Amino acid sequence: MTTDPDQVRSLVAAVLAQLPEMSDADGADVAIEEIEAVASRLEEAHGVLVAALESVDRGVAGGSAEPGR
């Protein structure tokens, strides 16, 4: 996993771009499938962030983990 902030942002943005359009803004008529799809994408984005943080903790090379960045 990369530790480069720009690459991590790009990965998260790519996952979040897959979020389905919600059919009703107030949530009254949202199908369970839509909710499950949103939850799945959010879980995937969370996984990307956790993996990046674990890489930083381990000091894995492959990105910029410079202080102040």
PDB file of N, CA and C in Angstrom:
ATOM      1  N   MET A   1       0.854  -1.184   0.000  1.00  0.00           N
ATOM      2  CA  MET A   1       0.000   0.000   0.000  1.00  0.00           C
ATOM      3  C   MET A   1       0.884   1.226   0.000  1.00  0.00           C
ATOM      4  N   THR A   2       0.486   2.187  -0.752  1.00  0.00           N
ATOM      5  CA  THR A   2       1.207   3.447  -0.813  1.00  0.00           C
ATOM      6  C   THR A   2       0.929   4.294   0.427  1.00  0.00           C
ATOM      7  N   THR A   3       1.881   5.131   0.755  1.00  0.00           N
ATOM      8  CA  THR A   3       1.677   6.099   1.826  1.00  0.00           C
ATOM      9  C   THR A   3       1.623   7.517   1.280  1.00  0.00           C
ATOM     10  N   ASP A   4       1.677   7.641  -0.040  1.00  0.00           N
ATOM     11  CA  ASP A   4       1.609   8.954  -0.674  1.00  0.00           C
ATOM     12  C   ASP A   4       0.185   9.507  -0.538  1.00  0.00           C
ATOM     13  N   PRO A   5       0.036  10.656   0.124  1.00  0.00           N
ATOM     14  CA  PRO A   5      -1.309  11.203   0.351  1.00  0.00           C
ATOM     15  C   PRO A   5      -2.119  11.410  -0.923  1.00  0.00           C
ATOM     16  N   ASP A   6      -1.484  11.848  -1.983  1.00  0.00           N
ATOM     17  CA  ASP A   6      -2.220  12.074  -3.234  1.00  0.00           C
ATOM     18  C   ASP A   6      -2.732  10.764  -3.825  1.00  0.00           C
ATOM     19  N   GLN A   7      -1.925   9.715  -3.736  1.00  0.00           N
ATOM     20  CA  GLN A   7      -2.356   8.418  -4.244  1.00  0.00           C
ATOM     21  C   GLN A   7      -3.484   7.840  -3.385  1.00  0.00           C
ATOM     22  N   VAL A   8      -3.369   8.005  -2.084  1.00  0.00           N
ATOM     23  CA  VAL A   8      -4.429   7.533  -1.189  1.00  0.00           C
ATOM     24  C   VAL A   8      -5.722   8.280  -1.489  1.00  0.00           C
ATOM     25  N   ARG A   9      -5.637   9.596  -1.652  1.00  0.00           N
ATOM     26  CA  ARG A   9      -6.827  10.387  -1.995  1.00  0.00           C
ATOM     27  C   ARG A   9      -7.450   9.903  -3.301  1.00  0.00           C
ATOM     28  N   SER A  10      -6.603   9.614  -4.283  1.00  0.00           N
ATOM     29  CA  SER A  10      -7.097   9.143  -5.581  1.00  0.00           C
ATOM     30  C   SER A  10      -7.801   7.794  -5.448  1.00  0.00           C
ATOM     31  N   LEU A  11      -7.224   6.897  -4.649  1.00  0.00           N
ATOM     32  CA  LEU A  11      -7.852   5.589  -4.437  1.00  0.00           C
ATOM     33  C   LEU A  11      -9.210   5.735  -3.763  1.00  0.00           C
ATOM     34  N   VAL A  12      -9.262   6.562  -2.731  1.00  0.00           N
ATOM     35  CA  VAL A  12     -10.529   6.782  -2.022  1.00  0.00           C
ATOM     36  C   VAL A  12     -11.542   7.446  -2.954  1.00  0.00           C
ATOM     37  N   ALA A  13     -11.110   8.426  -3.722  1.00  0.00           N
ATOM     38  CA  ALA A  13     -12.015   9.099  -4.657  1.00  0.00           C
ATOM     39  C   ALA A  13     -12.563   8.121  -5.693  1.00  0.00           C
ATOM     40  N   ALA A  14     -11.730   7.200  -6.165  1.00  0.00           N
ATOM     41  CA  ALA A  14     -12.183   6.212  -7.144  1.00  0.00           C
ATOM     42  C   ALA A  14     -13.244   5.297  -6.545  1.00  0.00           C
ATOM     43  N   VAL A  15     -13.049   4.906  -5.297  1.00  0.00           N
ATOM     44  CA  VAL A  15     -14.050   4.058  -4.629  1.00  0.00           C
ATOM     45  C   VAL A  15     -15.343   4.835  -4.426  1.00  0.00           C
ATOM     46  N   LEU A  16     -15.240   6.057  -3.951  1.00  0.00           N
ATOM     47  CA  LEU A  16     -16.435   6.852  -3.681  1.00  0.00           C
ATOM     48  C   LEU A  16     -17.170   7.247  -4.960  1.00  0.00           C
ATOM     49  N   ALA A  17     -16.457   7.291  -6.074  1.00  0.00           N
ATOM     50  CA  ALA A  17     -17.100   7.602  -7.348  1.00  0.00           C
ATOM     51  C   ALA A  17     -18.071   6.502  -7.760  1.00  0.00           C
ATOM     52  N   GLN A  18     -17.928   5.328  -7.151  1.00  0.00           N
ATOM     53  CA  GLN A  18     -18.805   4.199  -7.459  1.00  0.00           C
ATOM     54  C   GLN A  18     -20.090   4.216  -6.625  1.00  0.00           C
ATOM     55  N   LEU A  19     -20.250   5.236  -5.775  1.00  0.00           N
ATOM     56  CA  LEU A  19     -21.463   5.320  -4.969  1.00  0.00           C
ATOM     57  C   LEU A  19     -22.674   5.456  -5.884  1.00  0.00           C
ATOM     58  N   PRO A  20     -23.723   4.708  -5.579  1.00  0.00           N
ATOM     59  CA  PRO A  20     -24.916   4.820  -6.424  1.00  0.00           C
ATOM     60  C   PRO A  20     -25.649   6.127  -6.162  1.00  0.00           C
ATOM     61  N   GLU A  21     -26.406   6.560  -7.160  1.00  0.00           N
ATOM     62  CA  GLU A  21     -27.267   7.726  -6.980  1.00  0.00           C
ATOM     63  C   GLU A  21     -28.415   7.312  -6.067  1.00  0.00           C
ATOM     64  N   MET A  22     -28.677   8.145  -5.096  1.00  0.00           N
ATOM     65  CA  MET A  22     -29.784   7.836  -4.190  1.00  0.00           C
ATOM     66  C   MET A  22     -31.068   8.358  -4.820  1.00  0.00           C
ATOM     67  N   SER A  23     -32.122   7.539  -4.795  1.00  0.00           N
ATOM     68  CA  SER A  23     -33.360   7.882  -5.487  1.00  0.00           C
ATOM     69  C   SER A  23     -34.175   8.949  -4.764  1.00  0.00           C
ATOM     70  N   ASP A  24     -33.969   9.112  -3.459  1.00  0.00           N
ATOM     71  CA  ASP A  24     -34.768  10.063  -2.692  1.00  0.00           C
ATOM     72  C   ASP A  24     -33.868  10.740  -1.660  1.00  0.00           C
ATOM     73  N   ALA A  25     -33.761  12.048  -1.735  1.00  0.00           N
ATOM     74  CA  ALA A  25     -32.833  12.785  -0.874  1.00  0.00           C
ATOM     75  C   ALA A  25     -33.154  12.655   0.607  1.00  0.00           C
ATOM     76  N   ASP A  26     -34.427  12.517   0.979  1.00  0.00           N
ATOM     77  CA  ASP A  26     -34.742  12.434   2.404  1.00  0.00           C
ATOM     78  C   ASP A  26     -34.668  11.009   2.942  1.00  0.00           C
ATOM     79  N   GLY A  27     -34.432  10.040   2.081  1.00  0.00           N
ATOM     80  CA  GLY A  27     -34.240   8.672   2.513  1.00  0.00           C
ATOM     81  C   GLY A  27     -35.509   7.870   2.712  1.00  0.00           C
ATOM     82  N   ALA A  28     -36.660   8.449   2.490  1.00  0.00           N
ATOM     83  CA  ALA A  28     -37.930   7.765   2.753  1.00  0.00           C
ATOM     84  C   ALA A  28     -38.150   6.570   1.829  1.00  0.00           C
ATOM     85  N   ASP A  29     -37.738   6.675   0.599  1.00  0.00           N
ATOM     86  CA  ASP A  29     -37.992   5.612  -0.371  1.00  0.00           C
ATOM     87  C   ASP A  29     -36.709   4.955  -0.872  1.00  0.00           C
ATOM     88  N   VAL A  30     -35.681   4.946  -0.056  1.00  0.00           N
ATOM     89  CA  VAL A  30     -34.413   4.355  -0.469  1.00  0.00           C
ATOM     90  C   VAL A  30     -34.497   2.847  -0.296  1.00  0.00           C
ATOM     91  N   ALA A  31     -34.167   2.125  -1.350  1.00  0.00           N
ATOM     92  CA  ALA A  31     -34.203   0.665  -1.320  1.00  0.00           C
ATOM     93  C   ALA A  31     -33.039   0.129  -0.500  1.00  0.00           C
ATOM     94  N   ILE A  32     -33.252  -1.012   0.109  1.00  0.00           N
ATOM     95  CA  ILE A  32     -32.217  -1.639   0.925  1.00  0.00           C
ATOM     96  C   ILE A  32     -30.974  -1.933   0.086  1.00  0.00           C
ATOM     97  N   GLU A  33     -31.162  -2.229  -1.174  1.00  0.00           N
ATOM     98  CA  GLU A  33     -30.025  -2.511  -2.053  1.00  0.00           C
ATOM     99  C   GLU A  33     -29.131  -1.283  -2.207  1.00  0.00           C
ATOM    100  N   GLU A  34     -29.778  -0.097  -2.289  1.00  0.00           N
ATOM    101  CA  GLU A  34     -29.014   1.141  -2.397  1.00  0.00           C
ATOM    102  C   GLU A  34     -28.219   1.397  -1.117  1.00  0.00           C
ATOM    103  N   ILE A  35     -28.859   1.159   0.003  1.00  0.00           N
ATOM    104  CA  ILE A  35     -28.177   1.350   1.290  1.00  0.00           C
ATOM    105  C   ILE A  35     -27.004   0.387   1.408  1.00  0.00           C
ATOM    106  N   GLU A  36     -27.210  -0.861   1.016  1.00  0.00           N
ATOM    107  CA  GLU A  36     -26.139  -1.860   1.072  1.00  0.00           C
ATOM    108  C   GLU A  36     -24.995  -1.500   0.128  1.00  0.00           C
ATOM    109  N   ALA A  37     -25.319  -0.964  -1.039  1.00  0.00           N
ATOM    110  CA  ALA A  37     -24.279  -0.562  -1.996  1.00  0.00           C
ATOM    111  C   ALA A  37     -23.450   0.590  -1.432  1.00  0.00           C
ATOM    112  N   VAL A  38     -24.130   1.564  -0.822  1.00  0.00           N
ATOM    113  CA  VAL A  38     -23.418   2.692  -0.206  1.00  0.00           C
ATOM    114  C   VAL A  38     -22.534   2.190   0.929  1.00  0.00           C
ATOM    115  N   ALA A  39     -23.075   1.331   1.765  1.00  0.00           N
ATOM    116  CA  ALA A  39     -22.307   0.781   2.887  1.00  0.00           C
ATOM    117  C   ALA A  39     -21.085   0.018   2.394  1.00  0.00           C
ATOM    118  N   SER A  40     -21.246  -0.727   1.334  1.00  0.00           N
ATOM    119  CA  SER A  40     -20.132  -1.491   0.771  1.00  0.00           C
ATOM    120  C   SER A  40     -19.018  -0.570   0.268  1.00  0.00           C
ATOM    121  N   ARG A  41     -19.396   0.485  -0.464  1.00  0.00           N
ATOM    122  CA  ARG A  41     -18.385   1.425  -0.977  1.00  0.00           C
ATOM    123  C   ARG A  41     -17.692   2.150   0.170  1.00  0.00           C
ATOM    124  N   LEU A  42     -18.458   2.560   1.187  1.00  0.00           N
ATOM    125  CA  LEU A  42     -17.852   3.248   2.329  1.00  0.00           C
ATOM    126  C   LEU A  42     -16.908   2.323   3.083  1.00  0.00           C
ATOM    127  N   GLU A  43     -17.281   1.062   3.208  1.00  0.00           N
ATOM    128  CA  GLU A  43     -16.409   0.084   3.862  1.00  0.00           C
ATOM    129  C   GLU A  43     -15.121  -0.104   3.061  1.00  0.00           C
ATOM    130  N   GLU A  44     -15.246  -0.122   1.750  1.00  0.00           N
ATOM    131  CA  GLU A  44     -14.071  -0.258   0.884  1.00  0.00           C
ATOM    132  C   GLU A  44     -13.149   0.954   1.026  1.00  0.00           C
ATOM    133  N   ALA A  45     -13.718   2.156   1.044  1.00  0.00           N
ATOM    134  CA  ALA A  45     -12.919   3.374   1.216  1.00  0.00           C
ATOM    135  C   ALA A  45     -12.236   3.363   2.584  1.00  0.00           C
ATOM    136  N   HIS A  46     -12.954   2.933   3.596  1.00  0.00           N
ATOM    137  CA  HIS A  46     -12.381   2.821   4.937  1.00  0.00           C
ATOM    138  C   HIS A  46     -11.198   1.851   4.921  1.00  0.00           C
ATOM    139  N   GLY A  47     -11.349   0.747   4.209  1.00  0.00           N
ATOM    140  CA  GLY A  47     -10.265  -0.233   4.100  1.00  0.00           C
ATOM    141  C   GLY A  47      -9.010   0.360   3.464  1.00  0.00           C
ATOM    142  N   VAL A  48      -9.205   1.191   2.458  1.00  0.00           N
ATOM    143  CA  VAL A  48      -8.058   1.858   1.810  1.00  0.00           C
ATOM    144  C   VAL A  48      -7.339   2.746   2.825  1.00  0.00           C
ATOM    145  N   LEU A  49      -8.111   3.513   3.590  1.00  0.00           N
ATOM    146  CA  LEU A  49      -7.511   4.406   4.586  1.00  0.00           C
ATOM    147  C   LEU A  49      -6.807   3.629   5.686  1.00  0.00           C
ATOM    148  N   VAL A  50      -7.411   2.552   6.157  1.00  0.00           N
ATOM    149  CA  VAL A  50      -6.788   1.728   7.204  1.00  0.00           C
ATOM    150  C   VAL A  50      -5.491   1.115   6.686  1.00  0.00           C
ATOM    151  N   ALA A  51      -5.498   0.594   5.480  1.00  0.00           N
ATOM    152  CA  ALA A  51      -4.289  -0.001   4.907  1.00  0.00           C
ATOM    153  C   ALA A  51      -3.176   1.033   4.773  1.00  0.00           C
ATOM    154  N   ALA A  52      -3.525   2.246   4.370  1.00  0.00           N
ATOM    155  CA  ALA A  52      -2.518   3.305   4.244  1.00  0.00           C
ATOM    156  C   ALA A  52      -1.937   3.650   5.611  1.00  0.00           C
ATOM    157  N   LEU A  53      -2.790   3.754   6.623  1.00  0.00           N
ATOM    158  CA  LEU A  53      -2.304   4.057   7.970  1.00  0.00           C
ATOM    159  C   LEU A  53      -1.434   2.935   8.517  1.00  0.00           C
ATOM    160  N   GLU A  54      -1.809   1.691   8.254  1.00  0.00           N
ATOM    161  CA  GLU A  54      -0.991   0.564   8.693  1.00  0.00           C
ATOM    162  C   GLU A  54       0.365   0.585   8.009  1.00  0.00           C
ATOM    163  N   SER A  55       0.393   0.979   6.738  1.00  0.00           N
ATOM    164  CA  SER A  55       1.662   1.076   6.008  1.00  0.00           C
ATOM    165  C   SER A  55       2.560   2.134   6.626  1.00  0.00           C
ATOM    166  N   VAL A  56       1.984   3.252   7.027  1.00  0.00           N
ATOM    167  CA  VAL A  56       2.753   4.316   7.667  1.00  0.00           C
ATOM    168  C   VAL A  56       3.295   3.812   8.995  1.00  0.00           C
ATOM    169  N   ASP A  57       2.458   3.124   9.760  1.00  0.00           N
ATOM    170  CA  ASP A  57       2.886   2.581  11.050  1.00  0.00           C
ATOM    171  C   ASP A  57       4.048   1.615  10.896  1.00  0.00           C
ATOM    172  N   ARG A  58       4.025   0.809   9.849  1.00  0.00           N
ATOM    173  CA  ARG A  58       5.097  -0.154   9.610  1.00  0.00           C
ATOM    174  C   ARG A  58       6.307   0.487   8.953  1.00  0.00           C
ATOM    175  N   GLY A  59       6.157   1.706   8.465  1.00  0.00           N
ATOM    176  CA  GLY A  59       7.260   2.388   7.786  1.00  0.00           C
ATOM    177  C   GLY A  59       7.524   1.840   6.420  1.00  0.00           C
ATOM    178  N   VAL A  60       6.470   1.346   5.758  1.00  0.00           N
ATOM    179  CA  VAL A  60       6.621   0.767   4.435  1.00  0.00           C
ATOM    180  C   VAL A  60       6.955   1.871   3.441  1.00  0.00           C
ATOM    181  N   ALA A  61       7.985   1.629   2.631  1.00  0.00           N
ATOM    182  CA  ALA A  61       8.363   2.581   1.587  1.00  0.00           C
ATOM    183  C   ALA A  61       7.367   2.485   0.447  1.00  0.00           C
ATOM    184  N   GLY A  62       7.366   3.475  -0.400  1.00  0.00           N
ATOM    185  CA  GLY A  62       6.491   3.442  -1.548  1.00  0.00           C
ATOM    186  C   GLY A  62       5.684   4.704  -1.680  1.00  0.00           C
ATOM    187  N   GLY A  63       5.937   5.619  -0.804  1.00  0.00           N
ATOM    188  CA  GLY A  63       5.218   6.879  -0.881  1.00  0.00           C
ATOM    189  C   GLY A  63       5.907   7.873  -0.010  1.00  0.00           C
ATOM    190  N   SER A  64       5.320   9.003   0.101  1.00  0.00           N
ATOM    191  CA  SER A  64       5.891  10.066   0.889  1.00  0.00           C
ATOM    192  C   SER A  64       5.297  10.043   2.280  1.00  0.00           C
ATOM    193  N   ALA A  65       6.126   9.697   3.253  1.00  0.00           N
ATOM    194  CA  ALA A  65       5.682   9.708   4.643  1.00  0.00           C
ATOM    195  C   ALA A  65       6.493  10.739   5.398  1.00  0.00           C
ATOM    196  N   GLU A  66       6.830  11.812   4.692  1.00  0.00           N
ATOM    197  CA  GLU A  66       7.653  12.854   5.284  1.00  0.00           C
ATOM    198  C   GLU A  66       6.886  13.630   6.320  1.00  0.00           C
ATOM    199  N   PRO A  67       7.554  14.045   7.394  1.00  0.00           N
ATOM    200  CA  PRO A  67       6.867  14.875   8.381  1.00  0.00           C
ATOM    201  C   PRO A  67       6.369  16.177   7.744  1.00  0.00           C
ATOM    202  N   GLY A  68       5.228  16.614   8.204  1.00  0.00           N
ATOM    203  CA  GLY A  68       4.692  17.875   7.697  1.00  0.00           C
ATOM    204  C   GLY A  68       3.974  17.764   6.391  1.00  0.00           C
ATOM    205  N   ARG A  69       3.797  16.575   5.904  1.00  0.00           N
ATOM    206  CA  ARG A  69       3.121  16.375   4.642  1.00  0.00           C
ATOM    207  C   ARG A  69       1.767  15.832   4.789  1.00  0.00           C
TER     208      ARG A  69
END
